[in-house]
Amino acid sequence: MPVPYATMSDPQSLNLYSYVWNNPLVRIDPNGHKCDWCKDTWEKYDNYKAGNGWNTNAQLQAQQQTYQHQPTQQANVPVTVSDVKANTPLGHSTVQVGSDKPVGLVPNSSTQAAEAVTQQAAQVLTLGVPLPESVPGHIEGNSAPVQSAATIYVTSDQADAMRTYVSGAEHSTQSYDATFHNCTNFSEGVLAAGGVNAPADMTPGGLVKDLSH
């Protein structure tokens, strides 16, 4: 039986054991099938309580901003998404809002992450595909050498929403899956929290490339 709302471009949508990607502080699941990004969860909740229902994903996308690659009078806060050097072959994704430190999603234990990757490799041999295998993770600053980066500009309100998202993630339980590289999911989530129409990419380099266009 197919998984409702699952998309192959988003492997975490196949994970039946993860509620709102383990971050209920800044994400919602209005119908029990799909995690919705939201830049202001409480606004959506108040709207729901008023009898107007949840905003649909299509409505949310309609509200999202397109990329702004040059500063304007309104959009003058730089947000930089980087692909930095890491122990994994595909690198690591970080996001920096304004002059804040670059941050990214990492595993609590590199040993646990390596064991999870090994288990997923065994699943490829037996099942033909790896299954999501998350380990405990957290958000931390990163100063590793940058391999590629893309900078967009947002308004101060958008930047504040992104900072709220980062702060919530730093103070809540996270999970990390090295094979499915959900460090990019975190960077995309930061952008989406500010209303930026973030692409869905499997690799840090792919995310940077898409944002550069």
C-alpha atoms as a PDB file:
ATOM      1  CA  MET A   1       0.000   0.000   0.000  1.00  0.00           C
ATOM      2  CA  PRO A   2       1.459   3.401  -0.915  1.00  0.00           C
ATOM      3  CA  VAL A   3       2.281   5.867   1.841  1.00  0.00           C
ATOM      4  CA  PRO A   4      -0.190   8.808   1.706  1.00  0.00           C
ATOM      5  CA  TYR A   5       1.411  12.116   0.699  1.00  0.00           C
ATOM      6  CA  ALA A   6       4.810  10.470   0.197  1.00  0.00           C
ATOM      7  CA  THR A   7       7.120  11.867  -2.487  1.00  0.00           C
ATOM      8  CA  MET A   8      10.354  10.292  -3.710  1.00  0.00           C
ATOM      9  CA  SER A   9      12.040  13.712  -3.741  1.00  0.00           C
ATOM     10  CA  ASP A  10      11.520  13.842   0.032  1.00  0.00           C
ATOM     11  CA  PRO A  11      12.653  10.496   1.523  1.00  0.00           C
ATOM     12  CA  GLN A  12      11.632  11.536   5.028  1.00  0.00           C
ATOM     13  CA  SER A  13       8.019  11.520   3.824  1.00  0.00           C
ATOM     14  CA  LEU A  14       8.362   7.704   3.731  1.00  0.00           C
ATOM     15  CA  ASN A  15       9.281   7.571   7.410  1.00  0.00           C
ATOM     16  CA  LEU A  16       6.144   6.438   9.241  1.00  0.00           C
ATOM     17  CA  TYR A  17       7.778   6.757  12.650  1.00  0.00           C
ATOM     18  CA  SER A  18       8.672  10.435  12.701  1.00  0.00           C
ATOM     19  CA  TYR A  19       6.077  13.035  13.692  1.00  0.00           C
ATOM     20  CA  VAL A  20       6.640  16.449  12.016  1.00  0.00           C
ATOM     21  CA  TRP A  21      10.300  15.512  11.537  1.00  0.00           C
ATOM     22  CA  ASN A  22      10.788  15.468  15.323  1.00  0.00           C
ATOM     23  CA  ASN A  23      10.307  19.213  15.673  1.00  0.00           C
ATOM     24  CA  PRO A  24       6.773  19.923  16.947  1.00  0.00           C
ATOM     25  CA  LEU A  25       7.692  23.402  18.190  1.00  0.00           C
ATOM     26  CA  VAL A  26       7.755  24.934  14.727  1.00  0.00           C
ATOM     27  CA  ARG A  27       5.960  22.395  12.531  1.00  0.00           C
ATOM     28  CA  ILE A  28       2.424  21.044  12.369  1.00  0.00           C
ATOM     29  CA  ASP A  29       0.641  18.040  10.889  1.00  0.00           C
ATOM     30  CA  PRO A  30      -2.962  19.146  10.305  1.00  0.00           C
ATOM     31  CA  ASN A  31      -4.294  15.852   8.915  1.00  0.00           C
ATOM     32  CA  GLY A  32      -1.964  13.198  10.305  1.00  0.00           C
ATOM     33  CA  HIS A  33      -0.216  12.557   7.000  1.00  0.00           C
ATOM     34  CA  LYS A  34       2.072  15.418   6.144  1.00  0.00           C
ATOM     35  CA  CYS A  35       4.290  17.909   7.956  1.00  0.00           C
ATOM     36  CA  ASP A  36       3.591  21.513   7.019  1.00  0.00           C
ATOM     37  CA  TRP A  37       6.281  24.171   7.279  1.00  0.00           C
ATOM     38  CA  CYS A  38       4.895  27.294   8.902  1.00  0.00           C
ATOM     39  CA  LYS A  39       6.536  30.567   9.695  1.00  0.00           C
ATOM     40  CA  ASP A  40       4.110  31.215  12.516  1.00  0.00           C
ATOM     41  CA  THR A  41       2.515  28.120  14.039  1.00  0.00           C
ATOM     42  CA  TRP A  42       0.490  30.042  16.584  1.00  0.00           C
ATOM     43  CA  GLU A  43      -1.065  32.259  13.916  1.00  0.00           C
ATOM     44  CA  LYS A  44      -2.186  29.141  12.093  1.00  0.00           C
ATOM     45  CA  TYR A  45      -3.506  27.635  15.321  1.00  0.00           C
ATOM     46  CA  ASP A  46      -5.482  30.768  16.145  1.00  0.00           C
ATOM     47  CA  ASN A  47      -6.898  30.700  12.634  1.00  0.00           C
ATOM     48  CA  TYR A  48      -7.901  27.077  13.168  1.00  0.00           C
ATOM     49  CA  LYS A  49      -9.579  27.831  16.496  1.00  0.00           C
ATOM     50  CA  ALA A  50     -11.531  30.654  14.847  1.00  0.00           C
ATOM     51  CA  GLY A  51     -13.155  28.062  12.608  1.00  0.00           C
ATOM     52  CA  ASN A  52     -11.268  28.935   9.431  1.00  0.00           C
ATOM     53  CA  GLY A  53      -9.397  25.646   9.230  1.00  0.00           C
ATOM     54  CA  TRP A  54      -5.710  25.067   8.690  1.00  0.00           C
ATOM     55  CA  ASN A  55      -3.947  26.833   5.854  1.00  0.00           C
ATOM     56  CA  THR A  56      -3.357  24.323   3.097  1.00  0.00           C
ATOM     57  CA  ASN A  57       0.119  23.701   1.765  1.00  0.00           C
ATOM     58  CA  ALA A  58      -0.891  25.398  -1.503  1.00  0.00           C
ATOM     59  CA  GLN A  59      -2.016  28.487   0.405  1.00  0.00           C
ATOM     60  CA  LEU A  60       1.230  28.543   2.320  1.00  0.00           C
ATOM     61  CA  GLN A  61       3.252  28.312  -0.882  1.00  0.00           C
ATOM     62  CA  ALA A  62       1.234  31.175  -2.343  1.00  0.00           C
ATOM     63  CA  GLN A  63       2.304  33.319   0.621  1.00  0.00           C
ATOM     64  CA  GLN A  64       5.983  32.435   0.292  1.00  0.00           C
ATOM     65  CA  GLN A  65       8.495  34.876  -1.112  1.00  0.00           C
ATOM     66  CA  THR A  66      10.651  34.289  -4.158  1.00  0.00           C
ATOM     67  CA  TYR A  67      14.432  34.519  -3.913  1.00  0.00           C
ATOM     68  CA  GLN A  68      15.972  37.978  -3.631  1.00  0.00           C
ATOM     69  CA  HIS A  69      19.635  37.823  -4.634  1.00  0.00           C
ATOM     70  CA  GLN A  70      20.378  41.531  -4.289  1.00  0.00           C
ATOM     71  CA  PRO A  71      19.651  43.730  -1.256  1.00  0.00           C
ATOM     72  CA  THR A  72      16.810  46.213  -1.471  1.00  0.00           C
ATOM     73  CA  GLN A  73      15.573  48.805   0.974  1.00  0.00           C
ATOM     74  CA  GLN A  74      13.180  46.251   2.473  1.00  0.00           C
ATOM     75  CA  ALA A  75      15.077  42.999   1.913  1.00  0.00           C
ATOM     76  CA  ASN A  76      18.532  43.813   3.242  1.00  0.00           C
ATOM     77  CA  VAL A  77      19.345  40.969   5.665  1.00  0.00           C
ATOM     78  CA  PRO A  78      21.666  38.381   4.078  1.00  0.00           C
ATOM     79  CA  VAL A  79      20.901  34.698   4.555  1.00  0.00           C
ATOM     80  CA  THR A  80      23.664  32.372   3.410  1.00  0.00           C
ATOM     81  CA  VAL A  81      23.277  28.637   2.832  1.00  0.00           C
ATOM     82  CA  SER A  82      26.607  26.831   2.526  1.00  0.00           C
ATOM     83  CA  ASP A  83      27.942  23.437   1.597  1.00  0.00           C
ATOM     84  CA  VAL A  84      30.869  22.961   3.978  1.00  0.00           C
ATOM     85  CA  LYS A  85      33.495  20.247   4.282  1.00  0.00           C
ATOM     86  CA  ALA A  86      32.483  17.333   6.478  1.00  0.00           C
ATOM     87  CA  ASN A  87      33.224  13.674   7.185  1.00  0.00           C
ATOM     88  CA  THR A  88      30.440  12.653   4.815  1.00  0.00           C
ATOM     89  CA  PRO A  89      31.188  12.483   1.062  1.00  0.00           C
ATOM     90  CA  LEU A  90      28.340  14.878   0.223  1.00  0.00           C
ATOM     91  CA  GLY A  91      29.429  17.594   2.646  1.00  0.00           C
ATOM     92  CA  HIS A  92      27.300  19.374   5.208  1.00  0.00           C
ATOM     93  CA  SER A  93      24.648  22.091   4.967  1.00  0.00           C
ATOM     94  CA  THR A  94      24.718  25.197   7.167  1.00  0.00           C
ATOM     95  CA  VAL A  95      22.632  28.350   7.202  1.00  0.00           C
ATOM     96  CA  GLN A  96      23.572  31.801   8.484  1.00  0.00           C
ATOM     97  CA  VAL A  97      21.016  34.539   9.138  1.00  0.00           C
ATOM     98  CA  GLY A  98      22.524  38.014   9.092  1.00  0.00           C
ATOM     99  CA  SER A  99      25.644  38.147  11.262  1.00  0.00           C
ATOM    100  CA  ASP A 100      24.578  35.131  13.346  1.00  0.00           C
ATOM    101  CA  LYS A 101      26.808  32.074  13.481  1.00  0.00           C
ATOM    102  CA  PRO A 102      26.362  29.478  10.698  1.00  0.00           C
ATOM    103  CA  VAL A 103      24.463  26.513  12.119  1.00  0.00           C
ATOM    104  CA  GLY A 104      23.539  23.052  10.923  1.00  0.00           C
ATOM    105  CA  LEU A 105      22.010  19.755  11.981  1.00  0.00           C
ATOM    106  CA  VAL A 106      24.563  17.164  13.122  1.00  0.00           C
ATOM    107  CA  PRO A 107      24.430  13.775  14.900  1.00  0.00           C
ATOM    108  CA  ASN A 108      25.151  13.610  18.608  1.00  0.00           C
ATOM    109  CA  SER A 109      27.531  10.735  17.937  1.00  0.00           C
ATOM    110  CA  SER A 110      29.510  10.238  14.734  1.00  0.00           C
ATOM    111  CA  THR A 111      29.874   6.570  15.688  1.00  0.00           C
ATOM    112  CA  GLN A 112      26.105   6.114  15.854  1.00  0.00           C
ATOM    113  CA  ALA A 113      25.728   7.903  12.529  1.00  0.00           C
ATOM    114  CA  ALA A 114      28.330   5.623  10.905  1.00  0.00           C
ATOM    115  CA  GLU A 115      26.564   2.539  12.279  1.00  0.00           C
ATOM    116  CA  ALA A 116      23.254   3.782  10.878  1.00  0.00           C
ATOM    117  CA  VAL A 117      24.816   4.293   7.438  1.00  0.00           C
ATOM    118  CA  THR A 118      26.254   0.763   7.580  1.00  0.00           C
ATOM    119  CA  GLN A 119      22.819  -0.614   8.409  1.00  0.00           C
ATOM    120  CA  GLN A 120      21.277   1.322   5.529  1.00  0.00           C
ATOM    121  CA  ALA A 121      23.952  -0.034   3.177  1.00  0.00           C
ATOM    122  CA  ALA A 122      22.950  -3.548   4.227  1.00  0.00           C
ATOM    123  CA  GLN A 123      19.325  -2.667   3.475  1.00  0.00           C
ATOM    124  CA  VAL A 124      20.319  -1.665  -0.050  1.00  0.00           C
ATOM    125  CA  LEU A 125      21.775  -5.142  -0.581  1.00  0.00           C
ATOM    126  CA  THR A 126      18.667  -6.905   0.731  1.00  0.00           C
ATOM    127  CA  LEU A 127      15.831  -4.524  -0.133  1.00  0.00           C
ATOM    128  CA  GLY A 128      17.296  -2.536  -2.997  1.00  0.00           C
ATOM    129  CA  VAL A 129      16.757   0.768  -1.171  1.00  0.00           C
ATOM    130  CA  PRO A 130      17.871   2.188   2.189  1.00  0.00           C
ATOM    131  CA  LEU A 131      15.236   2.845   4.829  1.00  0.00           C
ATOM    132  CA  PRO A 132      15.355   5.969   7.010  1.00  0.00           C
ATOM    133  CA  GLU A 133      17.645   5.284   9.959  1.00  0.00           C
ATOM    134  CA  SER A 134      17.814   8.334  12.192  1.00  0.00           C
ATOM    135  CA  VAL A 135      20.035   8.846  15.216  1.00  0.00           C
ATOM    136  CA  PRO A 136      19.812  11.564  17.879  1.00  0.00           C
ATOM    137  CA  GLY A 137      21.071  14.911  16.636  1.00  0.00           C
ATOM    138  CA  HIS A 138      21.321  18.574  17.530  1.00  0.00           C
ATOM    139  CA  ILE A 139      21.883  22.008  16.043  1.00  0.00           C
ATOM    140  CA  GLU A 140      25.355  23.456  16.401  1.00  0.00           C
ATOM    141  CA  GLY A 141      27.571  26.191  15.006  1.00  0.00           C
ATOM    142  CA  ASN A 142      29.981  25.298  12.231  1.00  0.00           C
ATOM    143  CA  SER A 143      33.110  27.030  10.978  1.00  0.00           C
ATOM    144  CA  ALA A 144      34.337  24.369   8.525  1.00  0.00           C
ATOM    145  CA  PRO A 145      35.749  25.480   5.159  1.00  0.00           C
ATOM    146  CA  VAL A 146      33.021  26.457   2.700  1.00  0.00           C
ATOM    147  CA  GLN A 147      32.905  24.522  -0.571  1.00  0.00           C
ATOM    148  CA  SER A 148      30.063  26.515  -2.119  1.00  0.00           C
ATOM    149  CA  ALA A 149      27.490  29.013  -0.877  1.00  0.00           C
ATOM    150  CA  ALA A 150      24.453  31.006  -1.959  1.00  0.00           C
ATOM    151  CA  THR A 151      23.243  34.246  -0.381  1.00  0.00           C
ATOM    152  CA  ILE A 152      19.740  35.662  -0.602  1.00  0.00           C
ATOM    153  CA  TYR A 153      18.296  38.753   1.066  1.00  0.00           C
ATOM    154  CA  VAL A 154      15.203  38.887   3.251  1.00  0.00           C
ATOM    155  CA  THR A 155      13.361  41.476   5.310  1.00  0.00           C
ATOM    156  CA  SER A 156      14.008  41.935   9.019  1.00  0.00           C
ATOM    157  CA  ASP A 157      10.662  40.266   9.808  1.00  0.00           C
ATOM    158  CA  GLN A 158      11.608  37.249   7.725  1.00  0.00           C
ATOM    159  CA  ALA A 159      15.020  37.105   9.398  1.00  0.00           C
ATOM    160  CA  ASP A 160      13.379  37.217  12.834  1.00  0.00           C
ATOM    161  CA  ALA A 161      11.097  34.317  11.866  1.00  0.00           C
ATOM    162  CA  MET A 162      14.133  32.334  10.739  1.00  0.00           C
ATOM    163  CA  ARG A 163      15.957  33.065  13.993  1.00  0.00           C
ATOM    164  CA  THR A 164      12.912  31.911  15.950  1.00  0.00           C
ATOM    165  CA  TYR A 165      12.965  28.668  13.980  1.00  0.00           C
ATOM    166  CA  VAL A 166      16.678  28.146  14.672  1.00  0.00           C
ATOM    167  CA  SER A 167      16.221  28.873  18.368  1.00  0.00           C
ATOM    168  CA  GLY A 168      13.342  26.403  18.580  1.00  0.00           C
ATOM    169  CA  ALA A 169      15.411  23.730  16.864  1.00  0.00           C
ATOM    170  CA  GLU A 170      18.366  24.364  19.172  1.00  0.00           C
ATOM    171  CA  HIS A 171      16.151  23.788  22.199  1.00  0.00           C
ATOM    172  CA  SER A 172      14.270  20.715  20.971  1.00  0.00           C
ATOM    173  CA  THR A 173      15.137  17.095  20.221  1.00  0.00           C
ATOM    174  CA  GLN A 174      16.439  16.540  16.695  1.00  0.00           C
ATOM    175  CA  SER A 175      17.167  13.458  14.613  1.00  0.00           C
ATOM    176  CA  TYR A 176      19.844  13.016  11.961  1.00  0.00           C
ATOM    177  CA  ASP A 177      20.004  10.655   8.999  1.00  0.00           C
ATOM    178  CA  ALA A 178      23.326  10.738   7.164  1.00  0.00           C
ATOM    179  CA  THR A 179      22.152   8.710   4.154  1.00  0.00           C
ATOM    180  CA  PHE A 180      19.134  10.914   3.506  1.00  0.00           C
ATOM    181  CA  HIS A 181      21.199  13.958   4.436  1.00  0.00           C
ATOM    182  CA  ASN A 182      18.511  15.761   6.376  1.00  0.00           C
ATOM    183  CA  CYS A 183      20.940  18.511   7.324  1.00  0.00           C
ATOM    184  CA  THR A 184      19.591  20.032   4.098  1.00  0.00           C
ATOM    185  CA  ASN A 185      16.064  19.656   5.498  1.00  0.00           C
ATOM    186  CA  PHE A 186      17.068  21.877   8.402  1.00  0.00           C
ATOM    187  CA  SER A 187      18.475  24.578   6.119  1.00  0.00           C
ATOM    188  CA  GLU A 188      15.340  24.401   3.983  1.00  0.00           C
ATOM    189  CA  GLY A 189      13.232  24.630   7.123  1.00  0.00           C
ATOM    190  CA  VAL A 190      14.987  27.808   8.228  1.00  0.00           C
ATOM    191  CA  LEU A 191      14.284  29.405   4.839  1.00  0.00           C
ATOM    192  CA  ALA A 192      10.668  28.245   4.809  1.00  0.00           C
ATOM    193  CA  ALA A 193      10.133  29.610   8.325  1.00  0.00           C
ATOM    194  CA  GLY A 194      10.863  33.051   6.891  1.00  0.00           C
ATOM    195  CA  GLY A 195       8.487  32.552   3.983  1.00  0.00           C
ATOM    196  CA  VAL A 196      11.180  31.789   1.414  1.00  0.00           C
ATOM    197  CA  ASN A 197      10.130  29.243  -1.180  1.00  0.00           C
ATOM    198  CA  ALA A 198      12.855  26.758  -0.314  1.00  0.00           C
ATOM    199  CA  PRO A 199      13.583  23.940  -2.790  1.00  0.00           C
ATOM    200  CA  ALA A 200      13.791  20.324  -1.646  1.00  0.00           C
ATOM    201  CA  ASP A 201      17.263  18.945  -2.285  1.00  0.00           C
ATOM    202  CA  MET A 202      18.996  15.750  -1.233  1.00  0.00           C
ATOM    203  CA  THR A 203      22.487  17.276  -1.071  1.00  0.00           C
ATOM    204  CA  PRO A 204      23.995  20.495   0.335  1.00  0.00           C
ATOM    205  CA  GLY A 205      25.619  21.229  -3.006  1.00  0.00           C
ATOM    206  CA  GLY A 206      22.312  20.778  -4.824  1.00  0.00           C
ATOM    207  CA  LEU A 207      20.579  23.164  -2.422  1.00  0.00           C
ATOM    208  CA  VAL A 208      23.244  25.805  -2.931  1.00  0.00           C
ATOM    209  CA  LYS A 209      23.018  25.390  -6.705  1.00  0.00           C
ATOM    210  CA  ASP A 210      19.236  25.781  -6.713  1.00  0.00           C
ATOM    211  CA  LEU A 211      19.371  28.861  -4.508  1.00  0.00           C
ATOM    212  CA  SER A 212      22.006  30.411  -6.765  1.00  0.00           C
ATOM    213  CA  HIS A 213      19.668  30.388  -9.766  1.00  0.00           C
END
